[in-house]
N, C-alpha and C. Protein backbone atom coordinates (compact mmCIF):
# COMPACT_ATOMS: atom_id res chain seq x y z
N MET A 1 6.03 -10.40 7.22
CA MET A 1 4.61 -10.28 6.19
C MET A 1 4.67 -8.80 6.05
N GLY A 2 4.45 -7.71 7.31
CA GLY A 2 4.92 -6.40 7.15
C GLY A 2 5.34 -5.70 6.57
N GLY A 3 7.13 -6.21 6.48
CA GLY A 3 8.17 -6.24 4.98
C GLY A 3 8.24 -5.97 3.73
N LEU A 4 7.34 -7.25 3.33
CA LEU A 4 6.98 -7.64 2.24
C LEU A 4 5.75 -6.46 1.94
N ALA A 5 4.79 -6.13 2.69
CA ALA A 5 3.37 -5.45 2.53
C ALA A 5 4.71 -3.96 1.76
N LEU A 6 5.08 -3.41 2.21
CA LEU A 6 5.91 -2.31 1.93
C LEU A 6 6.68 -2.70 0.37
N VAL A 7 7.89 -3.67 0.52
CA VAL A 7 8.68 -4.06 -0.40
C VAL A 7 8.59 -3.96 -1.20
N VAL A 8 7.34 -4.76 -1.34
CA VAL A 8 6.65 -5.81 -3.10
C VAL A 8 6.18 -4.08 -4.23
N PRO A 9 5.54 -3.63 -3.10
CA PRO A 9 5.15 -2.80 -4.41
C PRO A 9 5.92 -1.48 -4.56
N MET A 10 6.55 -1.23 -4.02
CA MET A 10 7.62 -0.41 -3.72
C MET A 10 8.54 -0.74 -5.05
N LEU A 11 9.28 -2.30 -4.82
CA LEU A 11 9.33 -3.44 -6.39
C LEU A 11 8.81 -2.97 -7.36
N ILE A 12 7.37 -3.14 -7.35
CA ILE A 12 7.30 -3.27 -8.76
C ILE A 12 6.10 -1.57 -9.26
N MET A 13 6.70 -0.41 -8.35
CA MET A 13 6.96 0.52 -8.88
C MET A 13 7.72 1.34 -9.06
N ALA A 14 9.24 0.32 -8.95
CA ALA A 14 10.21 1.06 -9.39
C ALA A 14 10.84 1.06 -10.94
N ILE A 15 10.07 -0.76 -11.00
CA ILE A 15 10.22 -1.50 -12.37
C ILE A 15 9.64 -0.91 -13.44
N HIS A 16 10.36 -0.55 -13.95
CA HIS A 16 8.97 0.41 -15.03
C HIS A 16 8.34 1.39 -14.90
N PRO A 17 8.56 2.94 -13.98
CA PRO A 17 8.01 3.57 -13.30
C PRO A 17 6.88 3.48 -14.30
N LEU A 18 5.74 3.51 -14.45
CA LEU A 18 4.43 4.24 -15.71
C LEU A 18 3.66 4.41 -14.19
N ARG A 19 2.85 6.05 -14.82
CA ARG A 19 1.50 6.32 -13.44
C ARG A 19 0.49 5.82 -13.66
N GLU A 20 0.45 5.37 -14.52
CA GLU A 20 -0.87 4.02 -14.71
C GLU A 20 -0.43 2.88 -13.46
N LYS A 21 0.53 2.46 -14.23
CA LYS A 21 1.06 0.92 -12.69
C LYS A 21 1.03 1.46 -11.53
N THR A 22 2.23 2.47 -11.51
CA THR A 22 2.12 3.30 -10.27
C THR A 22 0.82 3.90 -9.31
N LEU A 23 0.09 4.22 -10.12
CA LEU A 23 -1.11 4.47 -8.99
C LEU A 23 -2.26 2.77 -8.96
N ILE A 24 -2.41 2.15 -10.16
CA ILE A 24 -2.77 0.58 -9.70
C ILE A 24 -2.53 -0.18 -9.05
N THR A 25 -0.74 -0.11 -8.46
CA THR A 25 -0.25 -0.77 -7.81
C THR A 25 -0.01 0.05 -6.30
N ALA A 26 -0.37 1.00 -6.25
CA ALA A 26 -0.85 1.49 -5.16
C ALA A 26 -1.93 1.31 -4.38
N SER A 27 -2.72 1.46 -4.78
CA SER A 27 -4.08 0.96 -4.71
C SER A 27 -4.49 -0.30 -4.56
N LEU A 28 -3.79 -1.05 -5.09
CA LEU A 28 -4.17 -2.70 -4.99
C LEU A 28 -3.50 -3.05 -3.29
N ALA A 29 -2.59 -2.39 -3.47
CA ALA A 29 -1.47 -2.68 -2.07
C ALA A 29 -2.73 -2.76 -1.17
N VAL A 30 -2.47 -1.15 -1.31
CA VAL A 30 -3.68 0.12 0.01
C VAL A 30 -4.60 -1.02 0.33
N PHE A 31 -5.75 -1.36 -0.69
CA PHE A 31 -6.90 -2.54 -0.69
C PHE A 31 -6.83 -3.92 -0.17
N LEU A 32 -5.77 -4.63 -0.41
CA LEU A 32 -5.06 -5.51 -0.24
C LEU A 32 -4.74 -5.68 1.47
N PHE A 33 -3.66 -4.54 1.75
CA PHE A 33 -3.55 -4.54 2.99
C PHE A 33 -4.43 -4.25 4.23
N ALA A 34 -5.24 -3.28 3.78
CA ALA A 34 -6.79 -3.59 4.21
C ALA A 34 -8.27 -4.75 4.72
N LEU A 35 -7.60 -5.09 3.63
CA LEU A 35 -8.27 -6.45 3.90
C LEU A 35 -7.75 -6.84 4.36
N GLY A 36 -6.62 -7.30 4.20
CA GLY A 36 -6.07 -8.61 5.37
C GLY A 36 -5.52 -8.28 6.86
N LEU A 37 -5.17 -6.77 6.86
CA LEU A 37 -6.30 -6.57 8.31
C LEU A 37 -6.90 -6.49 9.00
N ALA A 38 -8.21 -6.27 8.21
CA ALA A 38 -9.53 -6.67 8.44
C ALA A 38 -9.87 -8.26 9.28
N TRP A 39 -9.41 -8.99 8.13
CA TRP A 39 -10.19 -10.73 8.03
C TRP A 39 -8.63 -10.91 9.25
N LYS A 40 -7.66 -10.59 9.42
CA LYS A 40 -6.60 -11.29 10.42
C LYS A 40 -6.35 -10.28 11.57
N SER A 41 -6.92 -9.52 11.77
CA SER A 41 -6.98 -9.27 13.33
C SER A 41 -7.55 -8.67 13.86
N SER A 42 -7.29 -8.67 15.23
CA SER A 42 -8.75 -8.81 16.25
C SER A 42 -9.38 -6.76 16.47
N ALA A 43 -8.39 -6.32 15.58
CA ALA A 43 -8.11 -4.90 16.40
C ALA A 43 -9.89 -4.01 16.18
N GLN A 44 -9.97 -2.98 16.13
CA GLN A 44 -11.71 -2.10 16.44
C GLN A 44 -11.39 -1.65 15.13
N ARG A 45 -12.89 -1.00 14.31
CA ARG A 45 -12.97 -0.92 13.44
C ARG A 45 -11.82 0.24 13.09
N GLN A 46 -11.90 1.41 13.77
CA GLN A 46 -11.19 2.76 13.74
C GLN A 46 -9.37 2.71 13.77
N GLU A 47 -9.29 1.54 14.10
CA GLU A 47 -7.87 1.36 14.33
C GLU A 47 -7.44 0.65 12.95
N ILE A 48 -7.69 0.12 11.85
CA ILE A 48 -7.78 -0.83 11.21
C ILE A 48 -7.91 0.96 10.30
N LEU A 49 -8.99 1.57 10.28
CA LEU A 49 -9.04 2.51 9.48
C LEU A 49 -7.29 3.47 9.62
N ALA A 50 -6.87 3.75 10.91
CA ALA A 50 -5.97 4.74 11.17
C ALA A 50 -4.42 4.27 10.71
N VAL A 51 -4.15 2.48 10.81
CA VAL A 51 -3.17 2.14 10.28
C VAL A 51 -3.24 1.84 8.36
N THR A 52 -4.65 1.73 8.53
CA THR A 52 -4.51 1.72 6.40
C THR A 52 -4.56 3.20 5.89
N ALA A 53 -4.99 4.27 6.94
CA ALA A 53 -4.79 6.20 6.16
C ALA A 53 -2.79 5.65 5.93
N ALA A 54 -2.37 5.01 7.29
CA ALA A 54 -0.69 5.27 7.77
C ALA A 54 -0.45 4.69 6.90
N TYR A 55 -0.23 3.63 6.49
CA TYR A 55 0.08 2.84 5.21
C TYR A 55 -0.13 2.91 3.71
N ALA A 56 -1.65 3.93 3.40
CA ALA A 56 -1.52 4.53 2.51
C ALA A 56 -0.81 5.94 1.51
N ALA A 57 -0.75 6.64 2.81
CA ALA A 57 0.32 7.36 2.98
C ALA A 57 1.31 7.03 2.61
N VAL A 58 2.34 6.02 2.77
CA VAL A 58 3.99 5.45 2.43
C VAL A 58 3.70 5.39 1.08
N MET A 59 2.52 5.15 0.89
CA MET A 59 2.06 4.31 -0.72
C MET A 59 2.24 5.41 -1.37
N VAL A 60 1.14 6.65 -1.14
CA VAL A 60 1.17 8.23 -1.89
C VAL A 60 3.04 8.90 -1.79
N VAL A 61 3.76 8.05 -0.97
CA VAL A 61 5.19 8.88 -1.39
C VAL A 61 6.01 8.18 -2.22
N PHE A 62 5.67 6.77 -2.79
CA PHE A 62 6.15 5.86 -3.24
C PHE A 62 5.34 6.19 -4.57
N VAL A 63 4.54 6.37 -5.14
CA VAL A 63 3.87 7.36 -6.25
C VAL A 63 4.91 8.36 -6.16
N GLY A 64 4.66 9.61 -5.61
CA GLY A 64 5.53 10.87 -5.78
C GLY A 64 6.61 10.48 -6.22
N ILE A 65 7.65 9.14 -5.79
CA ILE A 65 8.78 9.57 -6.04
C ILE A 65 9.17 8.59 -7.02
N SER A 66 8.45 7.89 -7.45
CA SER A 66 8.59 6.69 -8.65
C SER A 66 7.71 7.49 -9.76
N GLY A 67 7.10 8.31 -9.82
CA GLY A 67 6.98 8.83 -10.89
C GLY A 67 7.61 9.30 -11.90
N PRO A 68 7.46 8.95 -13.52
CA PRO A 68 8.71 9.65 -14.46
C PRO A 68 8.79 11.38 -14.18
């Protein structure tokens, strides 16, 4: 499941890279990742925030490399 959280958004951003599509994909992926983590995990709030921030940082890298 964790691998799909990285691979699926990356593939969406790599196919026909448009800036708007890339930003929307990254934003939606981070939101769904945080929502899923909060719903399925017993982690504390600060742990969820830290993991989501790390995931968002990875998504920002994908946005930077997949843009035109």
